[in-house]
C-alpha atoms as a PDB file:
ATOM      1  CA  MET A   1      80.215  78.696  78.275  1.00  0.00           C
ATOM      2  CA  THR A   2      77.094  77.668  76.747  1.00  0.00           C
ATOM      3  CA  PRO A   3      74.419  75.156  78.526  1.00  0.00           C
ATOM      4  CA  LEU A   4      75.486  72.626  76.023  1.00  0.00           C
ATOM      5  CA  VAL A   5      79.478  72.829  76.448  1.00  0.00           C
ATOM      6  CA  VAL A   6      78.633  72.776  80.317  1.00  0.00           C
ATOM      7  CA  ALA A   7      76.145  69.675  79.809  1.00  0.00           C
ATOM      8  CA  ALA A   8      78.761  67.932  77.692  1.00  0.00           C
ATOM      9  CA  VAL A   9      81.497  68.576  80.338  1.00  0.00           C
ATOM     10  CA  LEU A  10      79.046  67.363  83.363  1.00  0.00           C
ATOM     11  CA  ALA A  11      78.056  64.044  80.941  1.00  0.00           C
ATOM     12  CA  ALA A  12      82.327  63.349  80.733  1.00  0.00           C
ATOM     13  CA  ALA A  13      82.679  64.178  84.240  1.00  0.00           C
ATOM     14  CA  VAL A  14      80.193  61.303  85.653  1.00  0.00           C
ATOM     15  CA  THR A  15      81.518  59.269  83.046  1.00  0.00           C
ATOM     16  CA  HIS A  16      84.499  59.694  84.343  1.00  0.00           C
ATOM     17  CA  ALA A  17      84.104  58.800  87.279  1.00  0.00           C
ATOM     18  CA  SER A  18      82.298  55.368  86.103  1.00  0.00           C
ATOM     19  CA  TRP A  19      85.142  53.917  83.675  1.00  0.00           C
ATOM     20  CA  ASN A  20      87.631  54.844  86.933  1.00  0.00           C
ATOM     21  CA  ALA A  21      85.619  53.380  89.499  1.00  0.00           C
ATOM     22  CA  LEU A  22      85.305  49.870  86.748  1.00  0.00           C
ATOM     23  CA  ALA A  23      89.166  49.903  86.698  1.00  0.00           C
ATOM     24  CA  HIS A  24      89.872  50.395  90.442  1.00  0.00           C
ATOM     25  CA  HIS A  25      87.540  47.520  91.100  1.00  0.00           C
ATOM     26  CA  ILE A  26      90.045  45.011  89.059  1.00  0.00           C
ATOM     27  CA  GLU A  27      92.544  44.131  91.960  1.00  0.00           C
ATOM     28  CA  ASP A  28      95.094  43.384  89.215  1.00  0.00           C
ATOM     29  CA  GLN A  29      96.022  47.050  88.276  1.00  0.00           C
ATOM     30  CA  LEU A  30      98.038  46.068  85.579  1.00  0.00           C
ATOM     31  CA  ILE A  31      95.536  44.118  83.901  1.00  0.00           C
ATOM     32  CA  ALA A  32      92.791  46.628  84.217  1.00  0.00           C
ATOM     33  CA  PHE A  33      94.821  49.682  82.545  1.00  0.00           C
ATOM     34  CA  THR A  34      95.697  46.552  80.066  1.00  0.00           C
ATOM     35  CA  LEU A  35      92.049  46.462  79.494  1.00  0.00           C
ATOM     36  CA  VAL A  36      91.229  49.802  79.455  1.00  0.00           C
ATOM     37  CA  GLY A  37      94.527  50.691  76.858  1.00  0.00           C
ATOM     38  CA  THR A  38      92.337  47.598  74.481  1.00  0.00           C
ATOM     39  CA  GLY A  39      89.330  49.061  74.977  1.00  0.00           C
ATOM     40  CA  GLY A  40      89.841  52.448  74.043  1.00  0.00           C
ATOM     41  CA  ALA A  41      92.541  51.644  71.693  1.00  0.00           C
ATOM     42  CA  LEU A  42      89.631  49.653  69.629  1.00  0.00           C
ATOM     43  CA  CYS A  43      87.405  52.815  69.603  1.00  0.00           C
ATOM     44  CA  GLY A  44      90.041  55.256  68.815  1.00  0.00           C
ATOM     45  CA  LEU A  45      90.658  52.681  65.763  1.00  0.00           C
ATOM     46  CA  ALA A  46      86.829  52.805  64.638  1.00  0.00           C
ATOM     47  CA  LEU A  47      86.825  56.312  64.668  1.00  0.00           C
ATOM     48  CA  ALA A  48      90.280  56.998  62.915  1.00  0.00           C
ATOM     49  CA  PHE A  49      88.445  55.039  59.975  1.00  0.00           C
ATOM     50  CA  ALA A  50      85.660  57.608  60.290  1.00  0.00           C
ATOM     51  CA  GLY A  51      87.070  60.671  59.985  1.00  0.00           C
ATOM     52  CA  PRO A  52      90.255  62.472  58.701  1.00  0.00           C
ATOM     53  CA  LEU A  53      94.050  63.022  59.547  1.00  0.00           C
ATOM     54  CA  PRO A  54      94.115  65.268  63.031  1.00  0.00           C
ATOM     55  CA  ALA A  55      96.356  68.513  60.903  1.00  0.00           C
ATOM     56  CA  ALA A  56     100.092  68.884  60.296  1.00  0.00           C
ATOM     57  CA  ALA A  57      99.990  71.294  63.204  1.00  0.00           C
ATOM     58  CA  ALA A  58      98.439  68.859  65.835  1.00  0.00           C
ATOM     59  CA  TRP A  59     100.945  65.954  65.873  1.00  0.00           C
ATOM     60  CA  PRO A  60     103.521  67.125  68.005  1.00  0.00           C
ATOM     61  CA  PRO A  61     101.049  68.060  70.768  1.00  0.00           C
ATOM     62  CA  LEU A  62      99.541  64.724  69.952  1.00  0.00           C
ATOM     63  CA  LEU A  63     102.422  62.676  70.384  1.00  0.00           C
ATOM     64  CA  LEU A  64     103.375  64.454  73.422  1.00  0.00           C
ATOM     65  CA  SER A  65     100.194  64.090  75.061  1.00  0.00           C
ATOM     66  CA  ALA A  66     100.506  59.937  74.755  1.00  0.00           C
ATOM     67  CA  VAL A  67     103.213  60.123  76.243  1.00  0.00           C
ATOM     68  CA  LEU A  68     101.897  62.192  79.101  1.00  0.00           C
ATOM     69  CA  HIS A  69      98.740  60.002  78.986  1.00  0.00           C
ATOM     70  CA  VAL A  70     100.672  56.688  79.719  1.00  0.00           C
ATOM     71  CA  VAL A  71     102.623  58.697  82.442  1.00  0.00           C
ATOM     72  CA  TYR A  72      99.285  59.154  84.239  1.00  0.00           C
ATOM     73  CA  GLN A  73      98.059  56.058  83.499  1.00  0.00           C
ATOM     74  CA  LEU A  74     100.986  54.376  85.346  1.00  0.00           C
ATOM     75  CA  LEU A  75     100.946  57.413  88.013  1.00  0.00           C
ATOM     76  CA  LEU A  76      96.846  56.276  88.582  1.00  0.00           C
ATOM     77  CA  MET A  77      97.527  52.238  88.433  1.00  0.00           C
ATOM     78  CA  ARG A  78     100.239  53.125  91.490  1.00  0.00           C
ATOM     79  CA  SER A  79      97.666  55.418  93.296  1.00  0.00           C
ATOM     80  CA  PHE A  80      94.638  53.237  92.716  1.00  0.00           C
ATOM     81  CA  GLY A  81      96.917  49.854  94.126  1.00  0.00           C
ATOM     82  CA  LEU A  82      97.912  51.860  97.355  1.00  0.00           C
ATOM     83  CA  GLY A  83      94.823  53.813  98.412  1.00  0.00           C
ATOM     84  CA  ASP A  84      90.952  54.134  98.383  1.00  0.00           C
ATOM     85  CA  PHE A  85      88.776  55.121  95.557  1.00  0.00           C
ATOM     86  CA  GLY A  86      87.330  57.882  97.629  1.00  0.00           C
ATOM     87  CA  GLN A  87      90.563  59.406  98.206  1.00  0.00           C
ATOM     88  CA  MET A  88      92.871  58.806  95.829  1.00  0.00           C
ATOM     89  CA  TYR A  89      90.431  60.001  92.656  1.00  0.00           C
ATOM     90  CA  PRO A  90      89.530  63.767  94.435  1.00  0.00           C
ATOM     91  CA  ILE A  91      93.163  64.238  94.997  1.00  0.00           C
ATOM     92  CA  ALA A  92      93.904  63.176  91.615  1.00  0.00           C
ATOM     93  CA  ARG A  93      90.880  65.288  89.948  1.00  0.00           C
ATOM     94  CA  GLY A  94      91.109  68.250  92.015  1.00  0.00           C
ATOM     95  CA  THR A  95      94.738  68.980  91.266  1.00  0.00           C
ATOM     96  CA  ALA A  96      94.534  69.145  87.918  1.00  0.00           C
ATOM     97  CA  PRO A  97      92.453  72.657  87.530  1.00  0.00           C
ATOM     98  CA  LEU A  98      94.687  74.471  89.810  1.00  0.00           C
ATOM     99  CA  VAL A  99      97.601  73.477  87.718  1.00  0.00           C
ATOM    100  CA  VAL A 100      95.762  73.781  84.425  1.00  0.00           C
ATOM    101  CA  THR A 101      94.939  77.436  85.400  1.00  0.00           C
ATOM    102  CA  VAL A 102      98.288  78.332  85.758  1.00  0.00           C
ATOM    103  CA  LEU A 103      99.721  76.249  82.846  1.00  0.00           C
ATOM    104  CA  ALA A 104      96.757  78.026  80.893  1.00  0.00           C
ATOM    105  CA  ALA A 105      97.865  81.154  81.457  1.00  0.00           C
ATOM    106  CA  VAL A 106     101.575  81.095  80.765  1.00  0.00           C
ATOM    107  CA  PHE A 107     101.655  78.801  77.518  1.00  0.00           C
ATOM    108  CA  LEU A 108      98.569  80.025  76.203  1.00  0.00           C
ATOM    109  CA  HIS A 109      97.729  83.144  77.758  1.00  0.00           C
ATOM    110  CA  GLU A 110      94.669  82.575  79.095  1.00  0.00           C
ATOM    111  CA  TRP A 111      94.705  84.837  82.197  1.00  0.00           C
ATOM    112  CA  PRO A 112      92.564  83.840  85.074  1.00  0.00           C
ATOM    113  CA  GLY A 113      90.141  86.767  86.540  1.00  0.00           C
ATOM    114  CA  ALA A 114      89.562  87.509  89.851  1.00  0.00           C
ATOM    115  CA  TRP A 115      86.873  85.414  90.193  1.00  0.00           C
ATOM    116  CA  GLN A 116      88.734  82.265  88.922  1.00  0.00           C
ATOM    117  CA  THR A 117      91.602  83.297  91.083  1.00  0.00           C
ATOM    118  CA  ALA A 118      89.369  83.181  94.328  1.00  0.00           C
ATOM    119  CA  GLY A 119      88.059  79.739  93.261  1.00  0.00           C
ATOM    120  CA  VAL A 120      91.406  77.991  92.977  1.00  0.00           C
ATOM    121  CA  ALA A 121      92.498  79.115  96.303  1.00  0.00           C
ATOM    122  CA  VAL A 122      88.834  77.970  97.609  1.00  0.00           C
ATOM    123  CA  ALA A 123      89.402  74.335  95.389  1.00  0.00           C
ATOM    124  CA  ALA A 124      92.760  74.214  96.673  1.00  0.00           C
ATOM    125  CA  ALA A 125      91.763  74.267 100.826  1.00  0.00           C
ATOM    126  CA  GLY A 126      89.161  71.929  99.934  1.00  0.00           C
ATOM    127  CA  LEU A 127      92.652  70.054  98.257  1.00  0.00           C
ATOM    128  CA  LEU A 128      94.240  69.747 101.241  1.00  0.00           C
ATOM    129  CA  GLY A 129      91.211  68.698 103.548  1.00  0.00           C
ATOM    130  CA  VAL A 130      90.599  65.594 101.799  1.00  0.00           C
ATOM    131  CA  ALA A 131      93.967  64.982 101.867  1.00  0.00           C
ATOM    132  CA  LEU A 132      94.583  65.681 105.182  1.00  0.00           C
ATOM    133  CA  TRP A 133      91.842  63.474 106.047  1.00  0.00           C
ATOM    134  CA  GLY A 134      93.371  60.392 104.339  1.00  0.00           C
ATOM    135  CA  ILE A 135      96.500  60.999 106.532  1.00  0.00           C
ATOM    136  CA  ARG A 136      94.956  61.445 109.690  1.00  0.00           C
ATOM    137  CA  ARG A 137      92.525  59.022 109.883  1.00  0.00           C
ATOM    138  CA  GLU A 138      93.194  55.260 110.438  1.00  0.00           C
ATOM    139  CA  ARG A 139      91.050  51.860 108.743  1.00  0.00           C
ATOM    140  CA  PRO A 140      88.954  50.410 111.110  1.00  0.00           C
ATOM    141  CA  ALA A 141      90.279  46.869 112.092  1.00  0.00           C
ATOM    142  CA  GLY A 142      88.097  43.897 110.536  1.00  0.00           C
ATOM    143  CA  GLY A 143      86.134  47.252 108.706  1.00  0.00           C
ATOM    144  CA  SER A 144      84.351  46.653 105.451  1.00  0.00           C
ATOM    145  CA  GLU A 145      87.146  47.995 103.123  1.00  0.00           C
ATOM    146  CA  GLN A 146      88.720  44.875 101.363  1.00  0.00           C
ATOM    147  CA  GLU A 147      92.610  45.104 101.839  1.00  0.00           C
ATOM    148  CA  ARG A 148      94.845  44.921  98.667  1.00  0.00           C
ATOM    149  CA  PRO A 149      98.529  43.223  98.430  1.00  0.00           C
ATOM    150  CA  GLY A 150     100.950  46.559  99.212  1.00  0.00           C
ATOM    151  CA  ARG A 151      98.259  48.361 100.665  1.00  0.00           C
ATOM    152  CA  SER A 152      98.826  49.298 104.575  1.00  0.00           C
ATOM    153  CA  SER A 153      96.328  49.570 106.754  1.00  0.00           C
ATOM    154  CA  ARG A 154      97.589  52.454 108.441  1.00  0.00           C
ATOM    155  CA  ALA A 155      96.944  55.607 107.916  1.00  0.00           C
ATOM    156  CA  GLY A 156     100.525  57.214 108.453  1.00  0.00           C
ATOM    157  CA  SER A 157     101.900  55.365 105.490  1.00  0.00           C
ATOM    158  CA  ARG A 158      99.588  56.745 102.930  1.00  0.00           C
ATOM    159  CA  LEU A 159     101.921  59.192 102.431  1.00  0.00           C
ATOM    160  CA  PRO A 160     103.198  57.028  99.266  1.00  0.00           C
ATOM    161  CA  ALA A 161      99.626  57.066  97.757  1.00  0.00           C
ATOM    162  CA  LEU A 162      98.657  60.552  98.180  1.00  0.00           C
ATOM    163  CA  THR A 163     102.154  60.985  96.675  1.00  0.00           C
ATOM    164  CA  ALA A 164     101.155  59.334  93.575  1.00  0.00           C
ATOM    165  CA  ALA A 165      97.736  60.535  93.712  1.00  0.00           C
ATOM    166  CA  VAL A 166      98.929  64.446  93.549  1.00  0.00           C
ATOM    167  CA  ALA A 167     101.431  63.306  90.523  1.00  0.00           C
ATOM    168  CA  THR A 168      98.755  61.732  88.845  1.00  0.00           C
ATOM    169  CA  GLY A 169      97.204  65.308  88.757  1.00  0.00           C
ATOM    170  CA  LEU A 170      99.826  66.802  87.502  1.00  0.00           C
ATOM    171  CA  ALA A 171      99.844  64.763  84.542  1.00  0.00           C
ATOM    172  CA  ILE A 172      96.872  65.284  84.084  1.00  0.00           C
ATOM    173  CA  ALA A 173      96.871  69.426  84.062  1.00  0.00           C
ATOM    174  CA  SER A 174     100.006  68.617  81.894  1.00  0.00           C
ATOM    175  CA  TYR A 175      97.892  66.733  78.927  1.00  0.00           C
ATOM    176  CA  THR A 176      94.855  69.044  79.201  1.00  0.00           C
ATOM    177  CA  VAL A 177      96.720  71.806  78.335  1.00  0.00           C
ATOM    178  CA  VAL A 178      99.037  69.723  75.406  1.00  0.00           C
ATOM    179  CA  ASP A 179      95.422  68.743  74.099  1.00  0.00           C
ATOM    180  CA  GLY A 180      93.811  72.287  74.437  1.00  0.00           C
ATOM    181  CA  ALA A 181      96.780  73.524  71.954  1.00  0.00           C
ATOM    182  CA  GLY A 182      96.247  70.127  70.138  1.00  0.00           C
ATOM    183  CA  VAL A 183      92.510  69.744  69.485  1.00  0.00           C
ATOM    184  CA  ARG A 184      92.441  72.997  68.400  1.00  0.00           C
ATOM    185  CA  ALA A 185      94.755  73.077  65.731  1.00  0.00           C
ATOM    186  CA  SER A 186      93.917  69.581  64.939  1.00  0.00           C
ATOM    187  CA  GLY A 187      90.584  70.380  62.638  1.00  0.00           C
ATOM    188  CA  SER A 188      88.516  68.205  64.370  1.00  0.00           C
ATOM    189  CA  ALA A 189      87.986  66.692  67.770  1.00  0.00           C
ATOM    190  CA  VAL A 190      87.044  63.230  66.526  1.00  0.00           C
ATOM    191  CA  SER A 191      89.461  63.166  64.349  1.00  0.00           C
ATOM    192  CA  TYR A 192      92.385  63.888  67.434  1.00  0.00           C
ATOM    193  CA  VAL A 193      90.153  61.704  70.097  1.00  0.00           C
ATOM    194  CA  ALA A 194      90.328  59.012  67.951  1.00  0.00           C
ATOM    195  CA  TRP A 195      94.399  59.121  67.098  1.00  0.00           C
ATOM    196  CA  LEU A 196      95.009  59.733  71.131  1.00  0.00           C
ATOM    197  CA  MET A 197      93.444  56.394  72.023  1.00  0.00           C
ATOM    198  CA  LEU A 198      95.040  54.505  69.814  1.00  0.00           C
ATOM    199  CA  LEU A 199      98.405  56.313  70.240  1.00  0.00           C
ATOM    200  CA  GLU A 200      98.303  56.258  74.352  1.00  0.00           C
ATOM    201  CA  GLY A 201      96.524  52.176  74.396  1.00  0.00           C
ATOM    202  CA  VAL A 202      99.016  50.646  73.305  1.00  0.00           C
ATOM    203  CA  PRO A 203     102.009  50.547  75.240  1.00  0.00           C
ATOM    204  CA  ILE A 204     100.395  49.232  78.367  1.00  0.00           C
ATOM    205  CA  PRO A 205      99.031  46.150  76.577  1.00  0.00           C
ATOM    206  CA  LEU A 206     102.322  45.464  74.706  1.00  0.00           C
ATOM    207  CA  TYR A 207     104.325  45.525  78.084  1.00  0.00           C
ATOM    208  CA  THR A 208     101.942  43.237  79.471  1.00  0.00           C
ATOM    209  CA  LEU A 209     101.723  41.124  76.808  1.00  0.00           C
ATOM    210  CA  LEU A 210     105.415  40.851  76.612  1.00  0.00           C
ATOM    211  CA  THR A 211     105.901  40.019  80.835  1.00  0.00           C
ATOM    212  CA  ARG A 212     102.817  38.360  81.123  1.00  0.00           C
ATOM    213  CA  ARG A 213     102.196  36.091  78.567  1.00  0.00           C
ATOM    214  CA  ARG A 214     101.595  33.100  79.915  1.00  0.00           C
ATOM    215  CA  GLU A 215      99.396  33.695  82.839  1.00  0.00           C
ATOM    216  CA  LEU A 216      97.142  36.415  80.271  1.00  0.00           C
ATOM    217  CA  GLY A 217      94.207  34.611  79.599  1.00  0.00           C
ATOM    218  CA  PRO A 218      93.092  33.442  82.883  1.00  0.00           C
ATOM    219  CA  ALA A 219      94.184  36.955  84.464  1.00  0.00           C
ATOM    220  CA  ILE A 220      92.102  38.434  82.063  1.00  0.00           C
ATOM    221  CA  ARG A 221      88.979  36.257  81.197  1.00  0.00           C
ATOM    222  CA  PRO A 222      87.115  37.031  84.545  1.00  0.00           C
ATOM    223  CA  VAL A 223      87.185  41.026  84.038  1.00  0.00           C
ATOM    224  CA  ALA A 224      87.594  41.592  80.479  1.00  0.00           C
ATOM    225  CA  VAL A 225      84.398  42.589  79.855  1.00  0.00           C
ATOM    226  CA  ARG A 226      84.525  44.981  82.838  1.00  0.00           C
ATOM    227  CA  GLY A 227      88.072  46.120  81.406  1.00  0.00           C
ATOM    228  CA  LEU A 228      86.906  46.718  77.984  1.00  0.00           C
ATOM    229  CA  THR A 229      83.699  48.731  79.053  1.00  0.00           C
ATOM    230  CA  ALA A 230      86.042  51.226  81.445  1.00  0.00           C
ATOM    231  CA  GLY A 231      88.468  52.035  78.369  1.00  0.00           C
ATOM    232  CA  ALA A 232      84.858  52.584  75.919  1.00  0.00           C
ATOM    233  CA  LEU A 233      83.688  54.974  78.369  1.00  0.00           C
ATOM    234  CA  SER A 234      87.005  56.870  78.782  1.00  0.00           C
ATOM    235  CA  VAL A 235      86.598  57.560  75.029  1.00  0.00           C
ATOM    236  CA  VAL A 236      83.632  58.965  75.457  1.00  0.00           C
ATOM    237  CA  ALA A 237      84.605  60.956  78.552  1.00  0.00           C
ATOM    238  CA  TYR A 238      87.966  62.496  77.417  1.00  0.00           C
ATOM    239  CA  GLY A 239      85.918  62.908  73.746  1.00  0.00           C
ATOM    240  CA  LEU A 240      83.493  65.416  75.139  1.00  0.00           C
ATOM    241  CA  VAL A 241      86.237  66.980  77.185  1.00  0.00           C
ATOM    242  CA  LEU A 242      88.154  67.828  73.833  1.00  0.00           C
ATOM    243  CA  TRP A 243      85.101  68.868  72.079  1.00  0.00           C
ATOM    244  CA  ALA A 244      84.549  71.256  74.922  1.00  0.00           C
ATOM    245  CA  GLN A 245      87.994  72.689  74.630  1.00  0.00           C
ATOM    246  CA  THR A 246      87.299  73.972  71.174  1.00  0.00           C
ATOM    247  CA  ARG A 247      84.288  76.074  72.252  1.00  0.00           C
ATOM    248  CA  ALA A 248      85.653  77.853  76.143  1.00  0.00           C
ATOM    249  CA  PRO A 249      88.313  78.299  77.959  1.00  0.00           C
ATOM    250  CA  LEU A 250      90.999  75.501  79.191  1.00  0.00           C
ATOM    251  CA  ALA A 251      90.410  76.613  82.662  1.00  0.00           C
ATOM    252  CA  PRO A 252      87.069  76.823  83.336  1.00  0.00           C
ATOM    253  CA  VAL A 253      86.365  73.248  80.967  1.00  0.00           C
ATOM    254  CA  ALA A 254      89.109  71.433  83.389  1.00  0.00           C
ATOM    255  CA  ALA A 255      87.067  73.078  86.339  1.00  0.00           C
ATOM    256  CA  LEU A 256      83.749  72.031  85.632  1.00  0.00           C
ATOM    257  CA  ARG A 257      85.065  68.421  84.868  1.00  0.00           C
ATOM    258  CA  GLU A 258      86.514  67.656  88.345  1.00  0.00           C
ATOM    259  CA  SER A 259      83.198  67.458  89.629  1.00  0.00           C
ATOM    260  CA  SER A 260      84.017  64.092  88.927  1.00  0.00           C
ATOM    261  CA  ILE A 261      85.352  64.348  92.224  1.00  0.00           C
ATOM    262  CA  ILE A 262      81.866  64.161  94.162  1.00  0.00           C
ATOM    263  CA  ALA A 263      80.431  61.294  92.241  1.00  0.00           C
ATOM    264  CA  GLY A 264      84.050  59.614  93.003  1.00  0.00           C
ATOM    265  CA  ALA A 265      83.662  59.927  96.159  1.00  0.00           C
ATOM    266  CA  ALA A 266      79.839  58.875  96.143  1.00  0.00           C
ATOM    267  CA  ILE A 267      80.433  55.061  94.163  1.00  0.00           C
ATOM    268  CA  GLY A 268      83.632  55.287  96.860  1.00  0.00           C
ATOM    269  CA  ALA A 269      81.001  55.037  99.713  1.00  0.00           C
ATOM    270  CA  LEU A 270      78.045  53.509  97.312  1.00  0.00           C
ATOM    271  CA  PHE A 271      79.760  51.058  95.859  1.00  0.00           C
ATOM    272  CA  PHE A 272      84.095  50.133  97.720  1.00  0.00           C
ATOM    273  CA  LYS A 273      81.701  50.713 101.287  1.00  0.00           C
ATOM    274  CA  GLU A 274      84.924  53.021 101.651  1.00  0.00           C
ATOM    275  CA  ARG A 275      83.690  55.680 104.631  1.00  0.00           C
ATOM    276  CA  PHE A 276      82.563  59.267 103.944  1.00  0.00           C
ATOM    277  CA  GLY A 277      82.375  61.061 107.039  1.00  0.00           C
ATOM    278  CA  ALA A 278      82.135  64.596 107.656  1.00  0.00           C
ATOM    279  CA  PRO A 279      85.411  66.161 107.109  1.00  0.00           C
ATOM    280  CA  ARG A 280      85.795  64.768 103.610  1.00  0.00           C
ATOM    281  CA  VAL A 281      81.747  66.219 103.057  1.00  0.00           C
ATOM    282  CA  ALA A 282      83.141  69.624 103.984  1.00  0.00           C
ATOM    283  CA  ALA A 283      86.566  69.109 102.214  1.00  0.00           C
ATOM    284  CA  SER A 284      84.537  68.378  98.830  1.00  0.00           C
ATOM    285  CA  MET A 285      81.800  71.056  99.454  1.00  0.00           C
ATOM    286  CA  LEU A 286      85.253  73.677  99.186  1.00  0.00           C
ATOM    287  CA  MET A 287      86.380  72.022  96.607  1.00  0.00           C
ATOM    288  CA  VAL A 288      82.794  72.226  94.449  1.00  0.00           C
ATOM    289  CA  GLY A 289      82.565  75.836  95.841  1.00  0.00           C
ATOM    290  CA  GLY A 290      86.132  76.653  94.281  1.00  0.00           C
ATOM    291  CA  ILE A 291      84.936  75.095  90.862  1.00  0.00           C
ATOM    292  CA  ALA A 292      81.800  77.235  90.830  1.00  0.00           C
ATOM    293  CA  LEU A 293      83.741  80.535  91.638  1.00  0.00           C
ATOM    294  CA  MET A 294      86.192  79.689  88.784  1.00  0.00           C
ATOM    295  CA  LEU A 295      82.806  78.992  86.340  1.00  0.00           C
ATOM    296  CA  HIS A 296      81.037  82.511  87.635  1.00  0.00           C
ATOM    297  CA  GLY A 297      84.163  84.425  86.250  1.00  0.00           C
ATOM    298  CA  SER A 298      84.223  82.279  83.051  1.00  0.00           C
END
């Protein structure tokens, strides 16, 4: 990858961690992702007017990707509602490059070399470490982390949260490969991301409007700016990634993008007062080491 592509993906990683943190910090996760979807759709609408339609060959993957993105948002909403940001985010993001490496080889014939294979193994070890750290530790009684409805304070009951986070990672990997094919066929990364944000941004807000119409105003008003900002940042983050996917193979782009796990863990520790801990530091270092190995072979 060229330095410009690397810089774009790193910027996307930090931006992505930031919008996820903004969404996580809104207690009502349905409202959070309603605002994220609305903000993304509004940005997509503006971009759609500024460019041409995607090429005909891009529409099948574009439509499939929109469905996968909605599934991803529902799973992310679920994982954020059940677990710590500093744990859910690294697991969801860390799962993706491992699966993308396999899917890109099978469907796009982008076969990994020895370095990328070694990187997958090292990153998988780090991912396992983050997951086990979350399962084994218990939240301190009376600790500083704020409890949300539906979250258990016992570590042993976190298996549903971890399952949701891993499923989120699988959804990320799926839409990454689909979008890698779609954006290359579209003729324009800007037009592709515009229509993707339009298509994926409608279902959750529409569902919220139909099911919570009477309470929508009071629920949205206090967090509207935060949620809409998260939606706009999501467009920037994924637009940069889609552009990078037209300039480099999918696996190293996906791996570098997931350097956002470090930003996510830091945000969880600094802003949400979640424990980081030596085991999580070591696991994160393994994950970053695996990413570095994958990049070395790209």
